Amino acid sequence: MIVKLAKWRIREVRIENTNLCNSNCIMCPREKMTRKKGIMPFSLFKKILDECAYLRIKSVHVHGYGEPLLDPGIFEKIRYAKSKGIPNVSMFTNASLMNVDISRKILASGLDGLGISHYAFTRGTFEKIHRGLDFSLTRNNIIRFFKLRAELKRRIILFLV
């Protein structure tokens, strides 16, 4: 597999560490999936990252049809990716789980980019789109994350979509 990929000069790899989610967003096809839901074992993640390092992949995105922060091993996985010399490691989150502790762990993990899926500016629209999430909680998590990032002087690129 590695030899075939090397011919394509892949620069970016997306890894779905989990397809579990704490929301049921109206645009997400996750609920229609027929494959088993769960969390990727660290051993498989490590194997993929070892191959990425061998191929000199420049960018690894850890996300898919799930909420990556539901994976209790996510920070170990991010640190492993950085230890393999991957220059850009990022993930997307719905920010609903980003309490102070999780925010600090994100900032300490070595993550280079964090995308936040927040598809509305009002409570009503947000909660219609992000079914199961609380607008105020999520908004406050995002605001606190911005403040912590500044306070800790951590350089991490943020994407708000």
Protein backbone atom coordinates (compact mmCIF):
# COMPACT_ATOMS: atom_id res chain seq x y z
CA MET A 1 0.00 0.00 0.00
CA ILE A 2 2.80 2.45 0.85
CA VAL A 3 4.45 2.06 -2.56
CA LYS A 4 1.16 2.77 -4.36
CA LEU A 5 0.54 5.87 -2.22
CA ALA A 6 4.08 7.14 -2.79
CA LYS A 7 3.36 7.40 -6.52
CA TRP A 8 0.45 9.76 -5.83
CA ARG A 9 2.53 12.20 -3.73
CA ILE A 10 -0.15 12.44 -1.08
CA ARG A 11 0.35 15.53 1.10
CA GLU A 12 -2.67 15.30 3.36
CA VAL A 13 -4.33 12.43 5.21
CA ARG A 14 -7.65 12.54 7.04
CA ILE A 15 -8.13 10.06 9.86
CA GLU A 16 -11.49 9.40 11.46
CA ASN A 17 -10.52 8.62 15.05
CA THR A 18 -14.18 8.06 15.95
CA ASN A 19 -17.56 8.08 14.29
CA LEU A 20 -19.34 8.58 17.62
CA CYS A 21 -21.00 11.96 18.08
CA ASN A 22 -22.94 13.80 20.75
CA SER A 23 -25.01 15.70 18.19
CA ASN A 24 -27.29 14.82 15.33
CA CYS A 25 -26.69 17.70 12.93
CA ILE A 26 -29.21 18.06 10.13
CA MET A 27 -26.57 18.05 7.37
CA CYS A 28 -24.54 15.09 8.63
CA PRO A 29 -25.09 11.63 7.09
CA ARG A 30 -23.59 9.87 10.14
CA GLU A 31 -26.94 8.50 11.33
CA LYS A 32 -27.44 6.77 7.97
CA MET A 33 -24.12 4.90 8.24
CA THR A 34 -24.39 1.16 8.40
CA ARG A 35 -20.84 0.57 9.55
CA LYS A 36 -20.06 -0.11 13.18
CA LYS A 37 -19.68 2.93 15.43
CA GLY A 38 -16.69 3.18 17.71
CA ILE A 39 -13.27 4.62 18.40
CA MET A 40 -10.15 3.78 16.39
CA PRO A 41 -7.68 1.76 18.48
CA PHE A 42 -4.38 3.51 19.16
CA SER A 43 -2.52 0.63 17.49
CA LEU A 44 -4.26 1.29 14.16
CA PHE A 45 -3.79 5.05 14.49
CA LYS A 46 -0.08 4.47 15.20
CA LYS A 47 0.26 2.23 12.12
CA ILE A 48 -1.36 4.89 9.91
CA LEU A 49 0.86 7.64 11.36
CA ASP A 50 3.99 5.54 10.93
CA GLU A 51 3.11 5.19 7.24
CA CYS A 52 2.35 8.92 7.02
CA ALA A 53 5.77 9.72 8.48
CA TYR A 54 7.46 7.29 6.05
CA LEU A 55 5.71 9.04 3.14
CA ARG A 56 6.57 12.49 4.54
CA ILE A 57 2.93 13.51 4.74
CA LYS A 58 2.75 17.21 5.58
CA SER A 59 -0.76 17.39 7.01
CA VAL A 60 -2.95 15.06 9.07
CA HIS A 61 -6.53 15.97 9.93
CA VAL A 62 -8.13 14.00 12.76
CA HIS A 63 -11.86 14.09 12.19
CA GLY A 64 -14.62 12.50 10.17
CA TYR A 65 -18.26 11.75 10.91
CA GLY A 66 -17.76 11.89 14.65
CA GLU A 67 -16.79 14.23 17.46
CA PRO A 68 -13.04 13.63 17.98
CA LEU A 69 -13.16 14.76 21.61
CA LEU A 70 -15.31 11.71 22.47
CA ASP A 71 -12.15 9.64 21.97
CA PRO A 72 -10.46 9.44 25.40
CA GLY A 73 -7.13 8.83 23.61
CA ILE A 74 -7.32 11.83 21.28
CA PHE A 75 -4.54 13.79 22.96
CA GLU A 76 -2.19 10.81 22.95
CA LYS A 77 -2.95 10.41 19.23
CA ILE A 78 -2.23 14.07 18.51
CA ARG A 79 1.04 13.92 20.47
CA TYR A 80 2.04 10.76 18.57
CA ALA A 81 1.39 12.47 15.22
CA LYS A 82 3.55 15.42 16.26
CA SER A 83 6.29 13.07 17.53
CA LYS A 84 6.44 11.50 14.05
CA GLY A 85 7.31 14.89 12.57
CA ILE A 86 3.98 15.69 10.91
CA PRO A 87 4.20 19.49 10.43
CA ASN A 88 0.45 20.18 10.46
CA VAL A 89 -1.94 18.25 12.70
CA SER A 90 -5.49 19.53 12.97
CA MET A 91 -9.01 18.46 13.85
CA PHE A 92 -12.59 19.69 13.77
CA THR A 93 -14.90 19.73 16.79
CA ASN A 94 -18.40 20.92 17.58
CA ALA A 95 -16.87 22.56 20.72
CA SER A 96 -19.60 21.25 23.03
CA LEU A 97 -17.09 19.27 25.11
CA MET A 98 -14.42 21.98 25.33
CA ASN A 99 -14.58 22.71 29.04
CA VAL A 100 -11.56 24.34 30.72
CA ASP A 101 -9.71 21.03 31.17
CA ILE A 102 -10.27 19.86 27.58
CA SER A 103 -9.34 23.31 26.22
CA ARG A 104 -6.08 23.25 28.14
CA LYS A 105 -5.35 19.73 26.86
CA ILE A 106 -6.01 20.85 23.28
CA LEU A 107 -3.62 23.76 23.70
CA ALA A 108 -0.94 21.55 25.29
CA SER A 109 -1.27 18.68 22.79
CA GLY A 110 0.72 20.24 19.97
CA LEU A 111 -2.30 20.59 17.70
CA ASP A 112 -1.59 23.08 14.91
CA GLY A 113 -5.14 23.80 13.76
CA LEU A 114 -8.59 23.53 15.27
CA GLY A 115 -11.76 23.82 13.24
CA ILE A 116 -14.96 24.55 15.11
CA SER A 117 -18.27 23.61 13.51
CA HIS A 118 -20.74 26.25 14.61
CA TYR A 119 -23.22 26.82 11.80
CA ALA A 120 -25.37 29.59 13.30
CA PHE A 121 -25.30 32.82 15.26
CA THR A 122 -28.61 32.51 17.10
CA ARG A 123 -29.80 29.94 19.63
CA GLY A 124 -32.84 28.91 17.60
CA THR A 125 -30.97 28.31 14.37
CA PHE A 126 -28.00 26.69 16.10
CA GLU A 127 -30.14 24.21 18.02
CA LYS A 128 -32.16 23.34 14.88
CA ILE A 129 -28.94 22.56 13.03
CA HIS A 130 -26.86 21.07 15.86
CA ARG A 131 -29.57 18.90 17.38
CA GLY A 132 -28.64 17.82 20.90
CA LEU A 133 -26.20 20.65 21.60
CA ASP A 134 -26.70 23.71 23.79
CA PHE A 135 -26.00 27.06 22.09
CA SER A 136 -24.89 28.96 25.20
CA LEU A 137 -22.62 26.19 26.47
CA THR A 138 -20.95 25.80 23.09
CA ARG A 139 -20.58 29.55 22.52
CA ASN A 140 -19.07 29.98 26.00
CA ASN A 141 -16.65 27.11 25.34
CA ILE A 142 -15.47 28.82 22.17
CA ILE A 143 -15.06 32.23 23.84
CA ARG A 144 -13.16 30.68 26.76
CA PHE A 145 -10.91 28.78 24.33
CA PHE A 146 -9.99 32.02 22.55
CA LYS A 147 -9.15 33.63 25.89
CA LEU A 148 -7.08 30.65 27.07
CA ARG A 149 -5.20 30.55 23.78
CA ALA A 150 -4.27 34.22 24.23
CA GLU A 151 -3.46 33.82 27.93
CA LEU A 152 -1.20 30.82 27.29
CA LYS A 153 0.28 32.44 24.17
CA ARG A 154 -0.34 29.25 22.21
CA ARG A 155 -0.12 29.49 18.46
CA ILE A 156 -2.91 27.40 17.01
CA ILE A 157 -4.83 28.27 13.87
CA LEU A 158 -8.58 28.43 14.43
CA PHE A 159 -11.26 27.88 11.79
CA LEU A 160 -14.84 28.73 12.62
CA VAL A 161 -17.35 27.27 10.18
